[in-house]
C-alpha atoms as a PDB file:
ATOM      1  CA  MET A   1      -0.107   0.001  -0.064  1.00  0.00           C
ATOM      2  CA  THR A   2       1.254   3.369  -0.499  1.00  0.00           C
ATOM      3  CA  ASP A   3       2.047   5.594   2.140  1.00  0.00           C
ATOM      4  CA  ILE A   4       0.505   8.478   1.850  1.00  0.00           C
ATOM      5  CA  ASN A   5       2.549  10.966   4.145  1.00  0.00           C
ATOM      6  CA  ALA A   6       5.778   9.607   2.130  1.00  0.00           C
ATOM      7  CA  LEU A   7       4.016  11.178  -0.525  1.00  0.00           C
ATOM      8  CA  ARG A   8       3.277  14.264   1.535  1.00  0.00           C
ATOM      9  CA  THR A   9       7.238  14.638   2.966  1.00  0.00           C
ATOM     10  CA  GLU A  10       8.945  13.032  -0.099  1.00  0.00           C
ATOM     11  CA  PRO A  11      10.059  15.783  -2.877  1.00  0.00           C
ATOM     12  CA  SER A  12       8.863  14.968  -6.416  1.00  0.00           C
ATOM     13  CA  ALA A  13      11.318  14.432  -9.604  1.00  0.00           C
ATOM     14  CA  ALA A  14       9.843  17.445 -11.056  1.00  0.00           C
ATOM     15  CA  HIS A  15      10.152  19.378  -7.747  1.00  0.00           C
ATOM     16  CA  ALA A  16      14.165  17.968  -7.311  1.00  0.00           C
ATOM     17  CA  GLY A  17      15.963  20.611  -9.721  1.00  0.00           C
ATOM     18  CA  ARG A  18      16.593  24.219  -8.087  1.00  0.00           C
ATOM     19  CA  PRO A  19      15.168  25.925  -5.430  1.00  0.00           C
ATOM     20  CA  ARG A  20      11.828  28.220  -6.071  1.00  0.00           C
ATOM     21  CA  TRP A  21      12.163  30.534  -2.794  1.00  0.00           C
ATOM     22  CA  PRO A  22      15.202  32.873  -3.599  1.00  0.00           C
ATOM     23  CA  VAL A  23      13.291  33.903  -6.199  1.00  0.00           C
ATOM     24  CA  LEU A  24      11.039  35.735  -3.545  1.00  0.00           C
ATOM     25  CA  GLY A  25      14.394  37.869  -2.688  1.00  0.00           C
ATOM     26  CA  ILE A  26      14.883  38.807  -6.345  1.00  0.00           C
ATOM     27  CA  VAL A  27      11.868  39.945  -6.853  1.00  0.00           C
ATOM     28  CA  ALA A  28      11.973  42.337  -3.352  1.00  0.00           C
ATOM     29  CA  GLY A  29      15.281  43.439  -5.005  1.00  0.00           C
ATOM     30  CA  ILE A  30      13.432  45.121  -7.826  1.00  0.00           C
ATOM     31  CA  GLY A  31      11.182  46.308  -5.372  1.00  0.00           C
ATOM     32  CA  ALA A  32      13.069  47.963  -3.229  1.00  0.00           C
ATOM     33  CA  VAL A  33      15.021  49.511  -6.073  1.00  0.00           C
ATOM     34  CA  VAL A  34      12.273  50.633  -8.162  1.00  0.00           C
ATOM     35  CA  ALA A  35      10.551  52.268  -4.641  1.00  0.00           C
ATOM     36  CA  THR A  36      13.456  53.522  -3.154  1.00  0.00           C
ATOM     37  CA  ILE A  37      16.015  54.567  -6.307  1.00  0.00           C
ATOM     38  CA  VAL A  38      14.005  54.838  -9.173  1.00  0.00           C
ATOM     39  CA  THR A  39      11.155  57.092  -7.300  1.00  0.00           C
ATOM     40  CA  ASP A  40      13.299  58.670  -5.202  1.00  0.00           C
ATOM     41  CA  LEU A  41      10.972  62.527  -4.115  1.00  0.00           C
ATOM     42  CA  HIS A  42      14.032  64.636  -4.176  1.00  0.00           C
ATOM     43  CA  PRO A  43      13.968  67.082  -6.740  1.00  0.00           C
ATOM     44  CA  VAL A  44      16.076  66.395  -9.433  1.00  0.00           C
ATOM     45  CA  ASP A  45      17.440  70.029  -9.939  1.00  0.00           C
ATOM     46  CA  GLY A  46      16.889  71.107  -6.044  1.00  0.00           C
ATOM     47  CA  PRO A  47      19.475  73.101  -4.349  1.00  0.00           C
ATOM     48  CA  ASP A  48      21.518  71.731  -1.675  1.00  0.00           C
ATOM     49  CA  THR A  49      19.600  73.211   1.189  1.00  0.00           C
ATOM     50  CA  TYR A  50      15.601  72.535   0.684  1.00  0.00           C
ATOM     51  CA  THR A  51      12.916  75.039   2.083  1.00  0.00           C
ATOM     52  CA  ALA A  52       9.041  74.488   2.338  1.00  0.00           C
ATOM     53  CA  ALA A  53       9.103  75.889  -1.141  1.00  0.00           C
ATOM     54  CA  VAL A  54      10.564  72.489  -2.188  1.00  0.00           C
ATOM     55  CA  VAL A  55       7.385  70.054  -1.653  1.00  0.00           C
ATOM     56  CA  ASP A  56       5.691  71.966  -5.034  1.00  0.00           C
ATOM     57  CA  ASP A  57       8.434  70.049  -6.477  1.00  0.00           C
ATOM     58  CA  VAL A  58       7.312  66.476  -5.482  1.00  0.00           C
ATOM     59  CA  SER A  59       5.443  64.909  -7.505  1.00  0.00           C
ATOM     60  CA  SER A  60       2.393  62.905  -6.133  1.00  0.00           C
ATOM     61  CA  VAL A  61       2.152  60.533  -9.010  1.00  0.00           C
ATOM     62  CA  THR A  62       5.597  59.694  -8.360  1.00  0.00           C
ATOM     63  CA  ALA A  63       4.943  59.040  -4.118  1.00  0.00           C
ATOM     64  CA  GLN A  64       1.798  56.779  -5.053  1.00  0.00           C
ATOM     65  CA  VAL A  65       3.906  54.310  -7.465  1.00  0.00           C
ATOM     66  CA  SER A  66       6.410  54.499  -4.625  1.00  0.00           C
ATOM     67  CA  ILE A  67       4.199  53.435  -1.972  1.00  0.00           C
ATOM     68  CA  ILE A  68       2.827  50.534  -3.737  1.00  0.00           C
ATOM     69  CA  ALA A  69       5.929  49.246  -5.163  1.00  0.00           C
ATOM     70  CA  GLY A  70       7.213  50.019  -1.093  1.00  0.00           C
ATOM     71  CA  TYR A  71       4.462  47.965   0.514  1.00  0.00           C
ATOM     72  CA  VAL A  72       4.857  44.920  -2.521  1.00  0.00           C
ATOM     73  CA  THR A  73       8.529  44.645  -1.198  1.00  0.00           C
ATOM     74  CA  VAL A  74       7.005  44.983   2.858  1.00  0.00           C
ATOM     75  CA  ALA A  75       5.127  42.196   1.845  1.00  0.00           C
ATOM     76  CA  LEU A  76       8.463  40.380   0.070  1.00  0.00           C
ATOM     77  CA  LEU A  77      10.722  40.457   2.861  1.00  0.00           C
ATOM     78  CA  LEU A  78       8.078  39.031   4.975  1.00  0.00           C
ATOM     79  CA  VAL A  79       7.681  35.832   3.031  1.00  0.00           C
ATOM     80  CA  LEU A  80      11.307  35.742   2.244  1.00  0.00           C
ATOM     81  CA  ALA A  81      11.641  35.922   5.618  1.00  0.00           C
ATOM     82  CA  ALA A  82       9.243  33.398   6.520  1.00  0.00           C
ATOM     83  CA  ALA A  83      10.717  30.885   3.214  1.00  0.00           C
ATOM     84  CA  TRP A  84      14.177  31.229   4.797  1.00  0.00           C
ATOM     85  CA  ARG A  85      13.335  29.919   8.359  1.00  0.00           C
ATOM     86  CA  ARG A  86      11.702  27.003   6.487  1.00  0.00           C
ATOM     87  CA  HIS A  87      14.383  25.891   4.015  1.00  0.00           C
ATOM     88  CA  VAL A  88      17.327  27.301   5.423  1.00  0.00           C
ATOM     89  CA  GLU A  89      17.295  26.994   9.409  1.00  0.00           C
ATOM     90  CA  PRO A  90      17.047  23.178   9.742  1.00  0.00           C
ATOM     91  CA  ARG A  91      19.637  22.738   7.404  1.00  0.00           C
ATOM     92  CA  ALA A  92      22.233  25.257   9.424  1.00  0.00           C
ATOM     93  CA  LEU A  93      20.829  24.037  12.790  1.00  0.00           C
ATOM     94  CA  THR A  94      23.979  24.940  14.663  1.00  0.00           C
ATOM     95  CA  SER A  95      24.601  28.323  12.673  1.00  0.00           C
ATOM     96  CA  THR A  96      23.414  31.768  14.744  1.00  0.00           C
ATOM     97  CA  ALA A  97      24.293  33.939  12.163  1.00  0.00           C
ATOM     98  CA  ALA A  98      21.316  31.378   9.633  1.00  0.00           C
ATOM     99  CA  ARG A  99      18.926  33.044  12.324  1.00  0.00           C
ATOM    100  CA  VAL A 100      19.851  36.396  12.648  1.00  0.00           C
ATOM    101  CA  VAL A 101      19.063  36.418   8.350  1.00  0.00           C
ATOM    102  CA  PRO A 102      15.189  36.484   8.797  1.00  0.00           C
ATOM    103  CA  LEU A 103      15.117  38.864  11.988  1.00  0.00           C
ATOM    104  CA  GLY A 104      16.711  41.656   9.716  1.00  0.00           C
ATOM    105  CA  LEU A 105      14.330  41.001   6.959  1.00  0.00           C
ATOM    106  CA  THR A 106      11.719  40.970   9.364  1.00  0.00           C
ATOM    107  CA  ALA A 107      12.828  44.129  11.240  1.00  0.00           C
ATOM    108  CA  ALA A 108      13.422  45.856   8.021  1.00  0.00           C
ATOM    109  CA  ALA A 109       9.672  45.366   6.683  1.00  0.00           C
ATOM    110  CA  GLY A 110       8.687  47.097   9.876  1.00  0.00           C
ATOM    111  CA  ALA A 111      10.290  50.338   9.855  1.00  0.00           C
ATOM    112  CA  LEU A 112      10.143  50.256   5.712  1.00  0.00           C
ATOM    113  CA  SER A 113       6.285  50.504   6.604  1.00  0.00           C
ATOM    114  CA  LEU A 114       6.640  53.588   7.834  1.00  0.00           C
ATOM    115  CA  GLY A 115       9.317  54.971   5.444  1.00  0.00           C
ATOM    116  CA  TYR A 116       6.761  54.043   2.752  1.00  0.00           C
ATOM    117  CA  GLY A 117       3.560  55.171   4.383  1.00  0.00           C
ATOM    118  CA  TRP A 118       5.080  58.455   4.978  1.00  0.00           C
ATOM    119  CA  LYS A 119       5.713  58.673   1.308  1.00  0.00           C
ATOM    120  CA  GLY A 120       2.468  58.026   0.457  1.00  0.00           C
ATOM    121  CA  ALA A 121       1.062  60.237   2.893  1.00  0.00           C
ATOM    122  CA  LEU A 122       3.238  63.058   1.158  1.00  0.00           C
ATOM    123  CA  GLY A 123       1.526  62.767  -2.158  1.00  0.00           C
ATOM    124  CA  LEU A 124      -1.932  62.391  -0.588  1.00  0.00           C
ATOM    125  CA  TYR A 125      -1.741  65.590   0.977  1.00  0.00           C
ATOM    126  CA  ASN A 126       0.359  67.106  -2.172  1.00  0.00           C
ATOM    127  CA  GLY A 127      -1.497  66.961  -5.485  1.00  0.00           C
ATOM    128  CA  GLY A 128      -3.644  63.601  -4.302  1.00  0.00           C
ATOM    129  CA  SER A 129      -6.732  63.138  -3.598  1.00  0.00           C
ATOM    130  CA  GLU A 130      -6.258  64.856   0.029  1.00  0.00           C
ATOM    131  CA  ASP A 131      -4.888  68.472  -1.632  1.00  0.00           C
ATOM    132  CA  GLY A 132      -4.674  71.102   0.686  1.00  0.00           C
ATOM    133  CA  SER A 133      -5.850  69.535   4.139  1.00  0.00           C
ATOM    134  CA  PHE A 134      -1.975  70.726   5.628  1.00  0.00           C
ATOM    135  CA  ASP A 135      -0.318  74.220   4.376  1.00  0.00           C
ATOM    136  CA  ARG A 136       2.719  74.178   2.831  1.00  0.00           C
ATOM    137  CA  ASP A 137       4.995  73.856   6.308  1.00  0.00           C
ATOM    138  CA  GLY A 138       2.818  70.861   7.084  1.00  0.00           C
ATOM    139  CA  LEU A 139       4.108  69.716   3.676  1.00  0.00           C
ATOM    140  CA  TYR A 140       7.715  70.208   4.718  1.00  0.00           C
ATOM    141  CA  VAL A 141       7.742  67.597   7.994  1.00  0.00           C
ATOM    142  CA  LEU A 142       6.375  65.099   5.407  1.00  0.00           C
ATOM    143  CA  PHE A 143       9.251  65.961   2.863  1.00  0.00           C
ATOM    144  CA  VAL A 144      11.651  65.980   5.724  1.00  0.00           C
ATOM    145  CA  LEU A 145      10.567  62.339   7.192  1.00  0.00           C
ATOM    146  CA  ASN A 146      10.895  61.435   3.675  1.00  0.00           C
ATOM    147  CA  ASP A 147      14.397  62.142   3.296  1.00  0.00           C
ATOM    148  CA  PHE A 148      16.138  59.126   4.460  1.00  0.00           C
ATOM    149  CA  GLY A 149      12.251  57.639   5.710  1.00  0.00           C
ATOM    150  CA  SER A 150      12.371  54.612   2.695  1.00  0.00           C
ATOM    151  CA  PHE A 151      16.395  53.973   3.399  1.00  0.00           C
ATOM    152  CA  ILE A 152      17.152  53.912   7.047  1.00  0.00           C
ATOM    153  CA  GLY A 153      14.522  51.135   7.153  1.00  0.00           C
ATOM    154  CA  TYR A 154      16.780  48.533   5.173  1.00  0.00           C
ATOM    155  CA  LEU A 155      19.138  48.482   7.788  1.00  0.00           C
ATOM    156  CA  GLY A 156      18.086  45.105   9.203  1.00  0.00           C
ATOM    157  CA  VAL A 157      18.757  44.497   5.316  1.00  0.00           C
ATOM    158  CA  SER A 158      22.411  45.207   6.827  1.00  0.00           C
ATOM    159  CA  VAL A 159      22.184  42.849   9.308  1.00  0.00           C
ATOM    160  CA  ALA A 160      20.944  40.428   7.709  1.00  0.00           C
ATOM    161  CA  ALA A 161      23.884  41.023   4.478  1.00  0.00           C
ATOM    162  CA  GLY A 162      26.629  40.736   7.416  1.00  0.00           C
ATOM    163  CA  ALA A 163      25.365  37.429   8.662  1.00  0.00           C
ATOM    164  CA  VAL A 164      25.051  35.916   5.016  1.00  0.00           C
ATOM    165  CA  ALA A 165      29.077  36.918   4.827  1.00  0.00           C
ATOM    166  CA  TRP A 166      29.183  34.893   8.123  1.00  0.00           C
ATOM    167  CA  MET A 167      27.708  31.781   6.278  1.00  0.00           C
ATOM    168  CA  ALA A 168      29.465  32.108   3.677  1.00  0.00           C
ATOM    169  CA  LEU A 169      33.306  32.960   4.950  1.00  0.00           C
ATOM    170  CA  ARG A 170      33.119  31.532   8.188  1.00  0.00           C
ATOM    171  CA  GLU A 171      30.635  28.534   8.456  1.00  0.00           C
ATOM    172  CA  ARG A 172      31.151  27.668   4.500  1.00  0.00           C
ATOM    173  CA  LEU A 173      27.084  27.713   4.237  1.00  0.00           C
ATOM    174  CA  ILE A 174      26.823  29.687   0.811  1.00  0.00           C
ATOM    175  CA  SER A 175      29.194  30.060  -1.695  1.00  0.00           C
ATOM    176  CA  ARG A 176      32.116  32.192  -0.739  1.00  0.00           C
ATOM    177  CA  TRP A 177      31.452  34.280  -3.724  1.00  0.00           C
ATOM    178  CA  ILE A 178      28.520  35.544  -2.030  1.00  0.00           C
ATOM    179  CA  GLY A 179      30.485  36.617   1.559  1.00  0.00           C
ATOM    180  CA  VAL A 180      33.019  38.615  -0.695  1.00  0.00           C
ATOM    181  CA  VAL A 181      29.725  40.564  -2.117  1.00  0.00           C
ATOM    182  CA  SER A 182      28.091  41.309   1.226  1.00  0.00           C
ATOM    183  CA  ILE A 183      30.856  42.330   2.392  1.00  0.00           C
ATOM    184  CA  ILE A 184      31.817  45.075  -0.386  1.00  0.00           C
ATOM    185  CA  VAL A 185      27.973  46.173   0.475  1.00  0.00           C
ATOM    186  CA  LEU A 186      28.329  46.416   3.804  1.00  0.00           C
ATOM    187  CA  LEU A 187      31.520  48.935   3.975  1.00  0.00           C
ATOM    188  CA  PRO A 188      30.153  51.827   2.593  1.00  0.00           C
ATOM    189  CA  VAL A 189      27.397  51.510   5.468  1.00  0.00           C
ATOM    190  CA  VAL A 190      29.689  51.226   8.061  1.00  0.00           C
ATOM    191  CA  VAL A 191      31.588  53.643   6.466  1.00  0.00           C
ATOM    192  CA  THR A 192      29.360  56.125   5.932  1.00  0.00           C
ATOM    193  CA  VAL A 193      27.899  55.996   9.391  1.00  0.00           C
ATOM    194  CA  VAL A 194      30.811  56.223  11.288  1.00  0.00           C
ATOM    195  CA  ALA A 195      32.792  58.950   9.111  1.00  0.00           C
ATOM    196  CA  PHE A 196      29.576  61.134   8.726  1.00  0.00           C
ATOM    197  CA  GLY A 197      26.658  60.198  10.833  1.00  0.00           C
ATOM    198  CA  LEU A 198      24.645  59.459   7.603  1.00  0.00           C
ATOM    199  CA  PRO A 199      21.915  56.632   8.405  1.00  0.00           C
ATOM    200  CA  GLY A 200      20.664  56.287   4.601  1.00  0.00           C
ATOM    201  CA  PHE A 201      23.025  54.203   2.903  1.00  0.00           C
ATOM    202  CA  PRO A 202      22.231  50.702   3.756  1.00  0.00           C
ATOM    203  CA  GLY A 203      18.846  51.600   1.305  1.00  0.00           C
ATOM    204  CA  VAL A 204      20.816  52.914  -1.594  1.00  0.00           C
ATOM    205  CA  VAL A 205      22.553  49.346  -1.429  1.00  0.00           C
ATOM    206  CA  SER A 206      19.819  47.035   0.231  1.00  0.00           C
ATOM    207  CA  GLY A 207      18.485  46.213  -3.334  1.00  0.00           C
ATOM    208  CA  LEU A 208      20.996  45.403  -5.182  1.00  0.00           C
ATOM    209  CA  TRP A 209      22.644  43.105  -2.687  1.00  0.00           C
ATOM    210  CA  LEU A 210      19.087  41.191  -2.519  1.00  0.00           C
ATOM    211  CA  LEU A 211      19.252  40.823  -6.295  1.00  0.00           C
ATOM    212  CA  ILE A 212      22.710  39.404  -6.315  1.00  0.00           C
ATOM    213  CA  THR A 213      22.304  37.702  -3.469  1.00  0.00           C
ATOM    214  CA  PHE A 214      19.315  35.658  -3.874  1.00  0.00           C
ATOM    215  CA  THR A 215      19.774  35.030  -7.715  1.00  0.00           C
ATOM    216  CA  GLY A 216      23.258  33.300  -6.457  1.00  0.00           C
ATOM    217  CA  LEU A 217      21.070  31.180  -4.056  1.00  0.00           C
ATOM    218  CA  THR A 218      18.843  30.591  -7.133  1.00  0.00           C
ATOM    219  CA  PHE A 219      21.241  29.552  -9.507  1.00  0.00           C
ATOM    220  CA  GLY A 220      24.789  28.918  -7.591  1.00  0.00           C
ATOM    221  CA  ARG A 221      25.289  25.788  -5.525  1.00  0.00           C
ATOM    222  CA  SER A 222      25.790  26.810  -1.965  1.00  0.00           C
ATOM    223  CA  THR A 223      25.134  24.562   0.708  1.00  0.00           C
ATOM    224  CA  ILE A 224      22.278  25.643   2.006  1.00  0.00           C
ATOM    225  CA  VAL A 225      19.690  25.412  -1.227  1.00  0.00           C
ATOM    226  CA  ARG A 226      21.370  21.962  -2.468  1.00  0.00           C
END
């Protein structure tokens, strides 16, 4: 008699190839780039020092696109964290770093919910459906929050990158080249914080890190995805 439980637990030949779950990280990386870099609300030809008048140059359409892409990215980061816990942690039972990765992704998702929410609010009150609800000074407060709002939230992803670097270079659970890439991405984050107190660089590099790392996990031969 066929063992039903065995059918439920043993992968079929059709699903024994490359893992699919890292694709979540690739899509999240694309979403991060679109929501943070492509739809940045800083005026392209703006001055180095802003005044309240800058809100007149902010596009409500850009803000709306950003919040949509941003919230999709938040959802993807949460699902990616859950997928990592399901697929990676059982293969890395003695690795603390493997447990840090989903924590970093979850922390980033929580912070980015606020960062992208402020973007949506600025678009809503500045040319959107509730235009005129706040005066220019009130809108300027939202603009200042958006200066780094959708950038600093990616600090959790930077922490995850550090954990991946440890897993790659110390524990050899991930391809070493991914660990090297993670270190390269982390260096400017550390340098800009230590040297200048600049909090936003995680948002500049995290999308790229997600794209490269999870493409490597999708098509590479890291231990955690074999």
